[in-house]
C-alpha atoms as a PDB file:
ATOM      1  CA  MET A   1     -20.310 -35.095 200.250  1.00  0.00           C
ATOM      2  CA  THR A   2     -22.680 -33.097 202.370  1.00  0.00           C
ATOM      3  CA  VAL A   3     -24.311 -29.722 202.153  1.00  0.00           C
ATOM      4  CA  ASP A   4     -24.488 -28.128 205.580  1.00  0.00           C
ATOM      5  CA  ARG A   5     -27.776 -26.278 205.939  1.00  0.00           C
ATOM      6  CA  THR A   6     -28.631 -23.606 208.439  1.00  0.00           C
ATOM      7  CA  THR A   7     -31.509 -21.213 208.910  1.00  0.00           C
ATOM      8  CA  ASP A   8     -29.037 -18.317 209.003  1.00  0.00           C
ATOM      9  CA  GLN A   9     -29.184 -16.874 205.475  1.00  0.00           C
ATOM     10  CA  ASP A  10     -26.195 -14.652 206.249  1.00  0.00           C
ATOM     11  CA  GLY A  11     -24.083 -17.653 207.291  1.00  0.00           C
ATOM     12  CA  PRO A  12     -21.858 -19.826 205.129  1.00  0.00           C
ATOM     13  CA  ALA A  13     -23.058 -22.095 202.295  1.00  0.00           C
ATOM     14  CA  THR A  14     -20.570 -24.946 202.331  1.00  0.00           C
ATOM     15  CA  LEU A  15     -20.309 -28.116 200.287  1.00  0.00           C
ATOM     16  CA  SER A  16     -18.122 -30.624 202.150  1.00  0.00           C
ATOM     17  CA  ILE A  17     -16.565 -33.488 200.207  1.00  0.00           C
ATOM     18  CA  PHE A  18     -15.386 -36.436 202.300  1.00  0.00           C
ATOM     19  CA  PHE A  19     -12.673 -38.516 200.671  1.00  0.00           C
ATOM     20  CA  VAL A  20     -12.288 -42.082 201.937  1.00  0.00           C
ATOM     21  CA  PRO A  21      -9.468 -44.490 201.248  1.00  0.00           C
ATOM     22  CA  PRO A  22     -10.115 -46.521 198.065  1.00  0.00           C
ATOM     23  CA  SER A  23     -10.004 -49.796 200.002  1.00  0.00           C
ATOM     24  CA  SER A  24     -12.983 -48.785 202.206  1.00  0.00           C
ATOM     25  CA  SER A  25     -16.306 -50.541 202.014  1.00  0.00           C
ATOM     26  CA  THR A  26     -19.364 -48.934 200.450  1.00  0.00           C
ATOM     27  CA  LYS A  27     -20.635 -47.508 203.750  1.00  0.00           C
ATOM     28  CA  PRO A  28     -21.128 -43.722 203.629  1.00  0.00           C
ATOM     29  CA  ALA A  29     -18.247 -41.595 204.862  1.00  0.00           C
ATOM     30  CA  ALA A  30     -20.642 -38.992 206.210  1.00  0.00           C
ATOM     31  CA  PRO A  31     -24.306 -38.068 206.031  1.00  0.00           C
ATOM     32  CA  THR A  32     -25.549 -36.796 202.676  1.00  0.00           C
ATOM     33  CA  SER A  33     -27.410 -33.910 204.256  1.00  0.00           C
ATOM     34  CA  SER A  34     -27.069 -32.262 207.617  1.00  0.00           C
ATOM     35  CA  THR A  35     -28.003 -29.246 209.617  1.00  0.00           C
ATOM     36  CA  SER A  36     -24.707 -29.011 211.462  1.00  0.00           C
ATOM     37  CA  LYS A  37     -21.105 -29.870 210.751  1.00  0.00           C
ATOM     38  CA  GLU A  38     -21.044 -32.182 213.773  1.00  0.00           C
ATOM     39  CA  THR A  39     -23.796 -34.431 212.391  1.00  0.00           C
ATOM     40  CA  ALA A  40     -22.553 -37.822 211.282  1.00  0.00           C
ATOM     41  CA  THR A  41     -24.028 -41.287 211.287  1.00  0.00           C
ATOM     42  CA  SER A  42     -22.664 -43.670 213.886  1.00  0.00           C
ATOM     43  CA  ASP A  43     -21.505 -46.165 211.255  1.00  0.00           C
ATOM     44  CA  HIS A  44     -19.647 -43.714 209.034  1.00  0.00           C
ATOM     45  CA  ILE A  45     -16.154 -44.402 207.743  1.00  0.00           C
ATOM     46  CA  PRO A  46     -13.644 -41.780 208.856  1.00  0.00           C
ATOM     47  CA  ALA A  47     -12.691 -39.565 205.965  1.00  0.00           C
ATOM     48  CA  ASP A  48      -9.157 -39.661 204.628  1.00  0.00           C
ATOM     49  CA  ARG A  49      -9.483 -35.930 204.012  1.00  0.00           C
ATOM     50  CA  VAL A  50     -12.235 -33.353 203.720  1.00  0.00           C
ATOM     51  CA  GLU A  51     -12.377 -30.588 201.126  1.00  0.00           C
ATOM     52  CA  SER A  52     -14.914 -27.782 201.238  1.00  0.00           C
ATOM     53  CA  ILE A  53     -16.358 -25.473 198.624  1.00  0.00           C
ATOM     54  CA  ASP A  54     -17.783 -22.110 199.620  1.00  0.00           C
ATOM     55  CA  MET A  55     -20.940 -21.898 197.525  1.00  0.00           C
ATOM     56  CA  LYS A  56     -22.130 -18.525 198.810  1.00  0.00           C
ATOM     57  CA  HIS A  57     -23.016 -16.211 195.902  1.00  0.00           C
ATOM     58  CA  LYS A  58     -21.459 -18.582 193.350  1.00  0.00           C
ATOM     59  CA  LYS A  59     -22.982 -19.737 190.090  1.00  0.00           C
ATOM     60  CA  GLU A  60     -23.633 -23.445 189.731  1.00  0.00           C
ATOM     61  CA  SER A  61     -21.069 -23.628 186.926  1.00  0.00           C
ATOM     62  CA  GLU A  62     -18.383 -22.257 189.282  1.00  0.00           C
ATOM     63  CA  ILE A  63     -19.331 -24.781 191.972  1.00  0.00           C
ATOM     64  CA  LEU A  64     -19.278 -27.628 189.451  1.00  0.00           C
ATOM     65  CA  GLU A  65     -15.883 -26.521 188.156  1.00  0.00           C
ATOM     66  CA  GLN A  66     -14.460 -26.546 191.692  1.00  0.00           C
ATOM     67  CA  LEU A  67     -16.076 -29.924 192.433  1.00  0.00           C
ATOM     68  CA  LEU A  68     -14.587 -31.464 189.296  1.00  0.00           C
ATOM     69  CA  ARG A  69     -11.161 -30.017 190.091  1.00  0.00           C
ATOM     70  CA  LEU A  70     -11.176 -31.205 193.728  1.00  0.00           C
ATOM     71  CA  THR A  71     -12.434 -34.710 193.005  1.00  0.00           C
ATOM     72  CA  GLY A  72     -10.745 -35.335 189.684  1.00  0.00           C
ATOM     73  CA  ALA A  73     -14.147 -36.310 188.279  1.00  0.00           C
ATOM     74  CA  LYS A  74     -14.683 -36.267 184.536  1.00  0.00           C
ATOM     75  CA  VAL A  75     -17.717 -34.912 182.708  1.00  0.00           C
ATOM     76  CA  VAL A  76     -19.621 -37.745 181.054  1.00  0.00           C
ATOM     77  CA  THR A  77     -21.511 -36.930 177.882  1.00  0.00           C
ATOM     78  CA  PRO A  78     -24.777 -38.735 177.195  1.00  0.00           C
ATOM     79  CA  THR A  79     -24.896 -41.573 174.704  1.00  0.00           C
ATOM     80  CA  ALA A  80     -26.935 -41.122 171.530  1.00  0.00           C
ATOM     81  CA  ARG A  81     -29.865 -42.985 173.129  1.00  0.00           C
ATOM     82  CA  GLU A  82     -29.643 -40.921 176.318  1.00  0.00           C
ATOM     83  CA  GLN A  83     -29.540 -37.727 174.242  1.00  0.00           C
ATOM     84  CA  GLU A  84     -32.696 -38.859 172.415  1.00  0.00           C
ATOM     85  CA  GLU A  85     -34.390 -39.409 175.784  1.00  0.00           C
ATOM     86  CA  LEU A  86     -33.259 -35.980 176.994  1.00  0.00           C
ATOM     87  CA  ASP A  87     -34.603 -34.401 173.798  1.00  0.00           C
ATOM     88  CA  GLU A  88     -37.920 -36.237 174.236  1.00  0.00           C
ATOM     89  CA  LEU A  89     -38.187 -35.016 177.833  1.00  0.00           C
ATOM     90  CA  ALA A  90     -37.457 -31.438 176.749  1.00  0.00           C
ATOM     91  CA  GLU A  91     -40.152 -31.696 174.068  1.00  0.00           C
ATOM     92  CA  GLN A  92     -42.656 -33.101 176.577  1.00  0.00           C
ATOM     93  CA  ARG A  93     -41.827 -30.242 178.975  1.00  0.00           C
ATOM     94  CA  ARG A  94     -42.329 -27.703 176.157  1.00  0.00           C
ATOM     95  CA  ARG A  95     -45.684 -29.237 175.183  1.00  0.00           C
ATOM     96  CA  SER A  96     -46.761 -29.363 178.823  1.00  0.00           C
ATOM     97  CA  GLU A  97     -45.966 -25.672 179.300  1.00  0.00           C
ATOM     98  CA  HIS A  98     -47.841 -24.837 176.099  1.00  0.00           C
ATOM     99  CA  ASP A  99     -50.877 -26.873 177.226  1.00  0.00           C
ATOM    100  CA  ALA A 100     -50.810 -25.186 180.629  1.00  0.00           C
ATOM    101  CA  GLN A 101     -50.873 -21.756 178.955  1.00  0.00           C
ATOM    102  CA  ILE A 102     -53.830 -22.802 176.781  1.00  0.00           C
ATOM    103  CA  MET A 103     -55.716 -24.082 179.833  1.00  0.00           C
ATOM    104  CA  ALA A 104     -54.975 -20.894 181.777  1.00  0.00           C
ATOM    105  CA  ARG A 105     -56.399 -18.802 178.928  1.00  0.00           C
ATOM    106  CA  HIS A 106     -59.456 -21.092 178.721  1.00  0.00           C
ATOM    107  CA  VAL A 107     -60.108 -20.860 182.476  1.00  0.00           C
ATOM    108  CA  ALA A 108     -59.694 -17.064 182.385  1.00  0.00           C
ATOM    109  CA  ALA A 109     -62.167 -16.798 179.478  1.00  0.00           C
ATOM    110  CA  LYS A 110     -64.687 -18.971 181.351  1.00  0.00           C
ATOM    111  CA  ARG A 111     -64.300 -16.780 184.434  1.00  0.00           C
ATOM    112  CA  ARG A 112     -64.830 -13.619 182.396  1.00  0.00           C
ATOM    113  CA  GLN A 113     -67.918 -15.164 180.773  1.00  0.00           C
ATOM    114  CA  ALA A 114     -69.323 -16.131 184.196  1.00  0.00           C
ATOM    115  CA  GLU A 115     -68.692 -12.598 185.495  1.00  0.00           C
ATOM    116  CA  VAL A 116     -70.467 -11.055 182.479  1.00  0.00           C
ATOM    117  CA  LEU A 117     -73.453 -13.389 182.968  1.00  0.00           C
ATOM    118  CA  GLU A 118     -73.588 -12.592 186.686  1.00  0.00           C
ATOM    119  CA  GLN A 119     -73.448  -8.858 185.966  1.00  0.00           C
ATOM    120  CA  ALA A 120     -76.242  -9.213 183.369  1.00  0.00           C
ATOM    121  CA  LYS A 121     -78.382 -11.122 185.905  1.00  0.00           C
ATOM    122  CA  ARG A 122     -77.905  -8.423 188.517  1.00  0.00           C
ATOM    123  CA  SER A 123     -78.808  -5.700 186.044  1.00  0.00           C
ATOM    124  CA  VAL A 124     -82.018  -7.578 184.991  1.00  0.00           C
ATOM    125  CA  GLU A 125     -82.962  -8.180 188.634  1.00  0.00           C
ATOM    126  CA  ALA A 126     -82.405  -4.514 189.464  1.00  0.00           C
ATOM    127  CA  GLY A 127     -84.801  -3.570 186.678  1.00  0.00           C
ATOM    128  CA  PRO A 128     -85.056  -0.420 184.583  1.00  0.00           C
END
């Protein structure tokens, strides 16, 4: 499948899915990313058929639903071990965000302290 990208934000946002015959080799049917619909690698396998999804102003869940319907793909749920890994990653992300907030507060406090010291220096230098 390819996502055709353009600089025209008012233009279409299209996901193209290239279906190849099951007996084809593992060569790509089309480029995975392009800037025009005419772009294709020279060694691509001709597609059996092409389906497109208009993604403009659609939620990712709507796009996924259409993709699953068009391709006949099935949603695969993670194994228990994979779920543990996903949970660990989510926890690491949460801790990282928390640490970043703590550091941001620390840096801001240091900046405020430096500003107060600088202001005190200027007032001492200016004299009574």
